[in-house]
Amino acid sequence: MEILKKELKKYSELAKAGALDLFLETVLNIMKMAFLLQKDFREENIKDFNGRYSFKSKDGTIAVSVIFENNKMTVKRYAIDNTDITVIFKDSNALKNFLFSENPDIIGSILNNDISPVGNLNYLFKFAYMAKHLQLMFSL
């Protein structure tokens, strides 16, 4: 758990510095480590779950993907094809709000054009739930 806490500190520093491409990738890698180290977190969230996600910014500066398959999570530093959902963020604030909001409002984010999802929205809700669970685990 101490390893994850150290990574979380780096991750908040990246967010403050505006390195959002590294920020999102770091968040996803922390989530991956939590799945590896926390059996309960893994079994509650990705046991028997398969999903392909791509996260991008409108300006193209951010492109990260996640694949959940065979009870594992893989992070890619590029946008993948054949996703279940692709999430396009309007800007850096939209990305931060999506990941750190006290009360995530996916529908509000869509209506405000902060995010543009393409694909099955259930996958987006699933990801938001996992991210919030991670946030609560570490009191971020």
N, C-alpha and C. Protein backbone atom coordinates (compact mmCIF):
# COMPACT_ATOMS: atom_id res chain seq x y z
N MET A 1 0.81 -1.20 0.00
CA MET A 1 0.00 0.00 0.00
C MET A 1 0.86 1.27 0.00
N GLU A 2 2.00 1.21 0.63
CA GLU A 2 2.88 2.38 0.65
C GLU A 2 3.35 2.74 -0.75
N ILE A 3 3.59 1.73 -1.57
CA ILE A 3 4.01 1.97 -2.95
C ILE A 3 2.92 2.77 -3.67
N LEU A 4 1.69 2.36 -3.49
CA LEU A 4 0.58 3.06 -4.15
C LEU A 4 0.46 4.49 -3.65
N LYS A 5 0.64 4.69 -2.36
CA LYS A 5 0.56 6.05 -1.82
C LYS A 5 1.65 6.94 -2.40
N LYS A 6 2.86 6.40 -2.58
CA LYS A 6 3.94 7.18 -3.19
C LYS A 6 3.60 7.53 -4.64
N GLU A 7 3.05 6.55 -5.36
CA GLU A 7 2.66 6.80 -6.75
C GLU A 7 1.56 7.86 -6.81
N LEU A 8 0.65 7.81 -5.87
CA LEU A 8 -0.43 8.79 -5.84
C LEU A 8 0.10 10.20 -5.63
N LYS A 9 1.15 10.33 -4.84
CA LYS A 9 1.75 11.66 -4.65
C LYS A 9 2.33 12.17 -5.96
N LYS A 10 3.05 11.28 -6.67
CA LYS A 10 3.61 11.67 -7.98
C LYS A 10 2.49 12.09 -8.91
N TYR A 11 1.41 11.35 -8.87
CA TYR A 11 0.30 11.58 -9.77
C TYR A 11 -0.35 12.92 -9.52
N SER A 12 -0.49 13.33 -8.26
CA SER A 12 -1.07 14.65 -8.01
C SER A 12 -0.11 15.76 -8.43
N GLU A 13 1.21 15.51 -8.32
CA GLU A 13 2.20 16.49 -8.79
C GLU A 13 2.12 16.66 -10.30
N LEU A 14 1.92 15.56 -11.01
CA LEU A 14 1.78 15.63 -12.47
C LEU A 14 0.56 16.46 -12.85
N ALA A 15 -0.53 16.27 -12.12
CA ALA A 15 -1.75 17.03 -12.41
C ALA A 15 -1.51 18.52 -12.20
N LYS A 16 -0.84 18.85 -11.12
CA LYS A 16 -0.57 20.27 -10.83
C LYS A 16 0.36 20.87 -11.87
N ALA A 17 1.29 20.07 -12.38
CA ALA A 17 2.25 20.57 -13.37
C ALA A 17 1.64 20.66 -14.76
N GLY A 18 0.46 20.07 -14.94
CA GLY A 18 -0.19 20.13 -16.24
C GLY A 18 0.25 19.07 -17.21
N ALA A 19 0.98 18.08 -16.75
CA ALA A 19 1.44 16.97 -17.62
C ALA A 19 0.33 15.94 -17.71
N LEU A 20 -0.75 16.31 -18.40
CA LEU A 20 -1.95 15.48 -18.36
C LEU A 20 -1.84 14.17 -19.12
N ASP A 21 -0.97 14.10 -20.10
CA ASP A 21 -0.79 12.82 -20.77
C ASP A 21 -0.18 11.81 -19.79
N LEU A 22 0.82 12.24 -19.03
CA LEU A 22 1.42 11.39 -18.01
C LEU A 22 0.48 11.20 -16.83
N PHE A 23 -0.29 12.21 -16.53
CA PHE A 23 -1.23 12.17 -15.43
C PHE A 23 -2.23 11.03 -15.62
N LEU A 24 -2.88 10.97 -16.76
CA LEU A 24 -3.87 9.93 -17.01
C LEU A 24 -3.22 8.56 -17.03
N GLU A 25 -2.08 8.45 -17.68
CA GLU A 25 -1.37 7.18 -17.72
C GLU A 25 -0.99 6.72 -16.31
N THR A 26 -0.56 7.66 -15.47
CA THR A 26 -0.19 7.33 -14.10
C THR A 26 -1.40 6.87 -13.31
N VAL A 27 -2.53 7.56 -13.46
CA VAL A 27 -3.76 7.16 -12.78
C VAL A 27 -4.10 5.72 -13.15
N LEU A 28 -4.02 5.41 -14.42
CA LEU A 28 -4.36 4.07 -14.88
C LEU A 28 -3.37 3.03 -14.36
N ASN A 29 -2.11 3.38 -14.30
CA ASN A 29 -1.12 2.44 -13.77
C ASN A 29 -1.29 2.23 -12.27
N ILE A 30 -1.71 3.26 -11.56
CA ILE A 30 -2.01 3.10 -10.13
C ILE A 30 -3.20 2.17 -9.96
N MET A 31 -4.20 2.35 -10.81
CA MET A 31 -5.35 1.45 -10.76
C MET A 31 -4.91 0.02 -11.03
N LYS A 32 -4.03 -0.15 -12.00
CA LYS A 32 -3.51 -1.48 -12.33
C LYS A 32 -2.78 -2.09 -11.12
N MET A 33 -1.95 -1.29 -10.45
CA MET A 33 -1.25 -1.80 -9.27
C MET A 33 -2.23 -2.16 -8.16
N ALA A 34 -3.28 -1.37 -8.01
CA ALA A 34 -4.28 -1.67 -6.98
C ALA A 34 -4.95 -3.01 -7.28
N PHE A 35 -5.21 -3.28 -8.55
CA PHE A 35 -5.80 -4.57 -8.92
C PHE A 35 -4.84 -5.72 -8.61
N LEU A 36 -3.55 -5.48 -8.86
CA LEU A 36 -2.56 -6.52 -8.58
C LEU A 36 -2.39 -6.78 -7.09
N LEU A 37 -2.41 -5.73 -6.28
CA LEU A 37 -2.11 -5.85 -4.86
C LEU A 37 -3.33 -6.08 -3.98
N GLN A 38 -4.49 -5.67 -4.43
CA GLN A 38 -5.70 -5.76 -3.62
C GLN A 38 -6.68 -6.77 -4.22
N LYS A 39 -6.66 -7.97 -3.69
CA LYS A 39 -7.51 -9.02 -4.22
C LYS A 39 -8.99 -8.63 -4.21
N ASP A 40 -9.44 -8.02 -3.12
CA ASP A 40 -10.85 -7.62 -3.03
C ASP A 40 -11.21 -6.60 -4.10
N PHE A 41 -10.34 -5.62 -4.30
CA PHE A 41 -10.57 -4.59 -5.33
C PHE A 41 -10.65 -5.25 -6.71
N ARG A 42 -9.74 -6.17 -6.97
CA ARG A 42 -9.72 -6.88 -8.25
C ARG A 42 -11.00 -7.68 -8.44
N GLU A 43 -11.36 -8.47 -7.44
CA GLU A 43 -12.52 -9.35 -7.58
C GLU A 43 -13.84 -8.58 -7.65
N GLU A 44 -13.92 -7.46 -6.98
CA GLU A 44 -15.13 -6.64 -7.03
C GLU A 44 -15.29 -5.94 -8.37
N ASN A 45 -14.19 -5.65 -9.04
CA ASN A 45 -14.26 -4.78 -10.21
C ASN A 45 -13.96 -5.43 -11.55
N ILE A 46 -13.01 -6.34 -11.62
CA ILE A 46 -12.66 -6.84 -12.96
C ILE A 46 -12.72 -8.35 -13.12
N LYS A 47 -13.15 -9.05 -12.08
CA LYS A 47 -13.29 -10.50 -12.23
C LYS A 47 -14.33 -10.77 -13.32
N ASP A 48 -13.92 -11.52 -14.32
CA ASP A 48 -14.78 -11.89 -15.45
C ASP A 48 -15.28 -10.68 -16.26
N PHE A 49 -14.57 -9.57 -16.17
CA PHE A 49 -14.94 -8.37 -16.93
C PHE A 49 -13.98 -8.19 -18.09
N ASN A 50 -14.51 -7.95 -19.26
CA ASN A 50 -13.71 -7.64 -20.43
C ASN A 50 -14.18 -6.30 -20.98
N GLY A 51 -13.23 -5.43 -21.26
CA GLY A 51 -13.58 -4.13 -21.81
C GLY A 51 -12.38 -3.45 -22.43
N ARG A 52 -12.64 -2.67 -23.47
CA ARG A 52 -11.59 -1.94 -24.17
C ARG A 52 -11.96 -0.46 -24.16
N TYR A 53 -11.08 0.36 -23.57
CA TYR A 53 -11.31 1.80 -23.40
C TYR A 53 -10.20 2.58 -24.11
N SER A 54 -10.59 3.71 -24.65
CA SER A 54 -9.61 4.65 -25.19
C SER A 54 -9.98 6.03 -24.66
N PHE A 55 -8.98 6.74 -24.14
CA PHE A 55 -9.18 8.10 -23.62
C PHE A 55 -8.31 9.04 -24.45
N LYS A 56 -8.95 10.10 -24.97
CA LYS A 56 -8.23 11.05 -25.82
C LYS A 56 -8.67 12.47 -25.49
N SER A 57 -7.81 13.40 -25.85
CA SER A 57 -8.20 14.81 -25.76
C SER A 57 -8.55 15.29 -27.16
N LYS A 58 -9.39 16.32 -27.23
CA LYS A 58 -9.78 16.85 -28.54
C LYS A 58 -8.60 17.34 -29.34
N ASP A 59 -7.59 17.91 -28.64
CA ASP A 59 -6.44 18.44 -29.36
C ASP A 59 -5.39 17.36 -29.69
N GLY A 60 -5.63 16.14 -29.27
CA GLY A 60 -4.73 15.04 -29.62
C GLY A 60 -3.49 14.91 -28.74
N THR A 61 -3.38 15.73 -27.71
CA THR A 61 -2.19 15.64 -26.86
C THR A 61 -2.24 14.48 -25.87
N ILE A 62 -3.44 13.96 -25.63
CA ILE A 62 -3.60 12.83 -24.73
C ILE A 62 -4.20 11.67 -25.50
N ALA A 63 -3.60 10.52 -25.37
CA ALA A 63 -4.14 9.30 -25.97
C ALA A 63 -3.63 8.12 -25.15
N VAL A 64 -4.51 7.52 -24.38
CA VAL A 64 -4.17 6.39 -23.53
C VAL A 64 -5.32 5.39 -23.62
N SER A 65 -4.99 4.12 -23.55
CA SER A 65 -6.02 3.09 -23.64
C SER A 65 -5.85 2.07 -22.53
N VAL A 66 -6.94 1.37 -22.25
CA VAL A 66 -6.95 0.35 -21.21
C VAL A 66 -7.70 -0.86 -21.75
N ILE A 67 -7.14 -2.01 -21.49
CA ILE A 67 -7.80 -3.26 -21.86
C ILE A 67 -7.95 -4.11 -20.60
N PHE A 68 -9.19 -4.49 -20.31
CA PHE A 68 -9.49 -5.41 -19.23
C PHE A 68 -9.81 -6.75 -19.88
N GLU A 69 -9.03 -7.75 -19.54
CA GLU A 69 -9.21 -9.06 -20.17
C GLU A 69 -8.57 -10.13 -19.30
N ASN A 70 -9.25 -11.25 -19.13
CA ASN A 70 -8.74 -12.36 -18.34
C ASN A 70 -8.35 -11.93 -16.92
N ASN A 71 -9.19 -11.10 -16.30
CA ASN A 71 -8.99 -10.63 -14.93
C ASN A 71 -7.71 -9.79 -14.77
N LYS A 72 -7.27 -9.17 -15.84
CA LYS A 72 -6.08 -8.32 -15.82
C LYS A 72 -6.39 -7.00 -16.50
N MET A 73 -5.55 -6.03 -16.21
CA MET A 73 -5.67 -4.70 -16.80
C MET A 73 -4.36 -4.35 -17.49
N THR A 74 -4.45 -3.91 -18.74
CA THR A 74 -3.27 -3.50 -19.50
C THR A 74 -3.46 -2.05 -19.93
N VAL A 75 -2.42 -1.25 -19.74
CA VAL A 75 -2.45 0.17 -20.12
C VAL A 75 -1.57 0.35 -21.35
N LYS A 76 -2.11 1.05 -22.34
CA LYS A 76 -1.38 1.36 -23.58
C LYS A 76 -1.20 2.87 -23.69
N ARG A 77 -0.06 3.29 -24.22
CA ARG A 77 0.24 4.72 -24.37
C ARG A 77 -0.25 5.30 -25.69
N TYR A 78 -1.27 4.72 -26.23
CA TYR A 78 -1.83 5.18 -27.50
C TYR A 78 -3.29 4.78 -27.57
N ALA A 79 -4.01 5.35 -28.50
CA ALA A 79 -5.41 5.00 -28.70
C ALA A 79 -5.51 3.68 -29.45
N ILE A 80 -6.34 2.80 -28.97
CA ILE A 80 -6.53 1.50 -29.62
C ILE A 80 -7.81 1.53 -30.45
N ASP A 81 -7.92 0.57 -31.35
CA ASP A 81 -9.12 0.41 -32.17
C ASP A 81 -10.05 -0.60 -31.50
N ASN A 82 -11.23 -0.71 -32.03
CA ASN A 82 -12.21 -1.70 -31.57
C ASN A 82 -12.49 -1.59 -30.07
N THR A 83 -12.78 -0.38 -29.63
CA THR A 83 -13.06 -0.16 -28.22
C THR A 83 -14.54 -0.39 -27.91
N ASP A 84 -14.80 -0.65 -26.65
CA ASP A 84 -16.18 -0.68 -26.18
C ASP A 84 -16.65 0.75 -25.96
N ILE A 85 -15.70 1.61 -25.57
CA ILE A 85 -16.00 3.03 -25.44
C ILE A 85 -14.72 3.85 -25.65
N THR A 86 -14.88 4.95 -26.33
CA THR A 86 -13.81 5.95 -26.47
C THR A 86 -14.34 7.22 -25.82
N VAL A 87 -13.52 7.81 -24.95
CA VAL A 87 -13.91 9.03 -24.26
C VAL A 87 -12.98 10.14 -24.72
N ILE A 88 -13.58 11.18 -25.27
CA ILE A 88 -12.82 12.33 -25.75
C ILE A 88 -13.08 13.49 -24.80
N PHE A 89 -12.00 14.00 -24.19
CA PHE A 89 -12.10 15.11 -23.24
C PHE A 89 -11.95 16.44 -23.97
N LYS A 90 -12.78 17.39 -23.60
CA LYS A 90 -12.74 18.73 -24.21
C LYS A 90 -11.41 19.41 -23.93
N ASP A 91 -10.94 19.32 -22.68
CA ASP A 91 -9.70 19.98 -22.29
C ASP A 91 -9.18 19.36 -20.99
N SER A 92 -8.10 19.93 -20.47
CA SER A 92 -7.47 19.38 -19.27
C SER A 92 -8.38 19.47 -18.04
N ASN A 93 -9.15 20.54 -17.94
CA ASN A 93 -10.08 20.65 -16.80
C ASN A 93 -11.14 19.57 -16.84
N ALA A 94 -11.61 19.24 -18.02
CA ALA A 94 -12.61 18.18 -18.15
C ALA A 94 -12.03 16.84 -17.69
N LEU A 95 -10.78 16.59 -18.03
CA LEU A 95 -10.12 15.36 -17.59
C LEU A 95 -9.99 15.33 -16.08
N LYS A 96 -9.50 16.41 -15.49
CA LYS A 96 -9.34 16.47 -14.03
C LYS A 96 -10.68 16.29 -13.32
N ASN A 97 -11.70 16.97 -13.83
CA ASN A 97 -13.02 16.86 -13.21
C ASN A 97 -13.57 15.45 -13.31
N PHE A 98 -13.32 14.80 -14.42
CA PHE A 98 -13.79 13.43 -14.61
C PHE A 98 -13.15 12.50 -13.58
N LEU A 99 -11.87 12.67 -13.32
CA LEU A 99 -11.15 11.77 -12.43
C LEU A 99 -11.27 12.13 -10.96
N PHE A 100 -11.47 13.41 -10.63
CA PHE A 100 -11.42 13.84 -9.23
C PHE A 100 -12.70 14.42 -8.67
N SER A 101 -13.74 14.45 -9.40
CA SER A 101 -14.96 15.06 -8.92
C SER A 101 -15.46 14.37 -7.66
N GLU A 102 -15.91 15.17 -6.68
CA GLU A 102 -16.51 14.61 -5.46
C GLU A 102 -17.71 13.75 -5.82
N ASN A 103 -18.54 14.28 -6.68
CA ASN A 103 -19.74 13.57 -7.13
C ASN A 103 -19.73 13.54 -8.65
N PRO A 104 -19.11 12.50 -9.23
CA PRO A 104 -19.02 12.45 -10.69
C PRO A 104 -20.40 12.53 -11.36
N ASP A 105 -20.50 13.39 -12.34
CA ASP A 105 -21.75 13.56 -13.07
C ASP A 105 -21.46 13.32 -14.55
N ILE A 106 -21.51 12.08 -14.93
CA ILE A 106 -21.18 11.73 -16.31
C ILE A 106 -22.17 12.36 -17.29
N ILE A 107 -23.45 12.26 -16.97
CA ILE A 107 -24.46 12.83 -17.86
C ILE A 107 -24.27 14.34 -17.99
N GLY A 108 -24.02 15.02 -16.86
CA GLY A 108 -23.76 16.46 -16.90
C GLY A 108 -22.54 16.80 -17.73
N SER A 109 -21.48 15.98 -17.61
CA SER A 109 -20.26 16.20 -18.40
C SER A 109 -20.54 16.04 -19.89
N ILE A 110 -21.39 15.10 -20.22
CA ILE A 110 -21.75 14.90 -21.63
C ILE A 110 -22.59 16.08 -22.13
N LEU A 111 -23.58 16.48 -21.33
CA LEU A 111 -24.45 17.60 -21.73
C LEU A 111 -23.68 18.91 -21.85
N ASN A 112 -22.64 19.08 -21.01
CA ASN A 112 -21.81 20.29 -21.07
C ASN A 112 -20.71 20.19 -22.11
N ASN A 113 -20.67 19.10 -22.84
CA ASN A 113 -19.66 18.84 -23.86
C ASN A 113 -18.24 18.79 -23.29
N ASP A 114 -18.11 18.46 -22.00
CA ASP A 114 -16.78 18.28 -21.41
C ASP A 114 -16.18 16.95 -21.86
N ILE A 115 -17.03 15.95 -22.01
CA ILE A 115 -16.58 14.68 -22.56
C ILE A 115 -17.53 14.26 -23.67
N SER A 116 -16.97 13.56 -24.64
CA SER A 116 -17.76 13.01 -25.74
C SER A 116 -17.50 11.52 -25.80
N PRO A 117 -18.44 10.73 -25.31
CA PRO A 117 -18.24 9.28 -25.36
C PRO A 117 -18.73 8.71 -26.68
N VAL A 118 -18.00 7.73 -27.18
CA VAL A 118 -18.40 7.02 -28.38
C VAL A 118 -18.38 5.54 -28.03
N GLY A 119 -19.56 4.95 -27.97
CA GLY A 119 -19.64 3.54 -27.62
C GLY A 119 -20.67 3.31 -26.53
N ASN A 120 -20.52 2.22 -25.82
CA ASN A 120 -21.46 1.79 -24.80
C ASN A 120 -21.22 2.56 -23.50
N LEU A 121 -22.18 3.39 -23.11
CA LEU A 121 -22.03 4.21 -21.90
C LEU A 121 -21.91 3.39 -20.62
N ASN A 122 -22.40 2.18 -20.61
CA ASN A 122 -22.26 1.34 -19.42
C ASN A 122 -20.79 1.16 -19.05
N TYR A 123 -19.92 1.08 -20.04
CA TYR A 123 -18.49 0.95 -19.77
C TYR A 123 -17.93 2.20 -19.11
N LEU A 124 -18.44 3.35 -19.50
CA LEU A 124 -17.99 4.60 -18.90
C LEU A 124 -18.42 4.66 -17.43
N PHE A 125 -19.65 4.26 -17.15
CA PHE A 125 -20.11 4.24 -15.76
C PHE A 125 -19.30 3.24 -14.93
N LYS A 126 -18.97 2.11 -15.51
CA LYS A 126 -18.16 1.11 -14.82
C LYS A 126 -16.79 1.69 -14.49
N PHE A 127 -16.16 2.36 -15.44
CA PHE A 127 -14.84 2.94 -15.21
C PHE A 127 -14.91 4.04 -14.14
N ALA A 128 -15.92 4.89 -14.22
CA ALA A 128 -16.08 5.96 -13.23
C ALA A 128 -16.25 5.37 -11.82
N TYR A 129 -16.97 4.27 -11.72
CA TYR A 129 -17.14 3.60 -10.43
C TYR A 129 -15.80 3.10 -9.91
N MET A 130 -15.02 2.46 -10.78
CA MET A 130 -13.71 1.94 -10.35
C MET A 130 -12.78 3.07 -9.92
N ALA A 131 -12.77 4.17 -10.67
CA ALA A 131 -11.92 5.31 -10.34
C ALA A 131 -12.33 5.92 -9.00
N LYS A 132 -13.63 6.04 -8.77
CA LYS A 132 -14.11 6.60 -7.50
C LYS A 132 -13.76 5.67 -6.35
N HIS A 133 -13.90 4.38 -6.57
CA HIS A 133 -13.53 3.38 -5.55
C HIS A 133 -12.05 3.53 -5.18
N LEU A 134 -11.21 3.67 -6.17
CA LEU A 134 -9.78 3.87 -5.95
C LEU A 134 -9.53 5.16 -5.18
N GLN A 135 -10.22 6.22 -5.57
CA GLN A 135 -10.07 7.51 -4.90
C GLN A 135 -10.45 7.39 -3.43
N LEU A 136 -11.51 6.69 -3.13
CA LEU A 136 -11.94 6.52 -1.74
C LEU A 136 -10.99 5.63 -0.94
N MET A 137 -10.40 4.64 -1.59
CA MET A 137 -9.44 3.77 -0.92
C MET A 137 -8.28 4.57 -0.35
N PHE A 138 -7.87 5.60 -1.09
CA PHE A 138 -6.69 6.37 -0.70
C PHE A 138 -7.03 7.78 -0.25
N SER A 139 -8.31 8.05 -0.06
CA SER A 139 -8.77 9.36 0.41
C SER A 139 -8.17 10.51 -0.39
N LEU A 140 -8.30 10.44 -1.70
CA LEU A 140 -7.77 11.51 -2.56
C LEU A 140 -8.73 12.67 -2.63
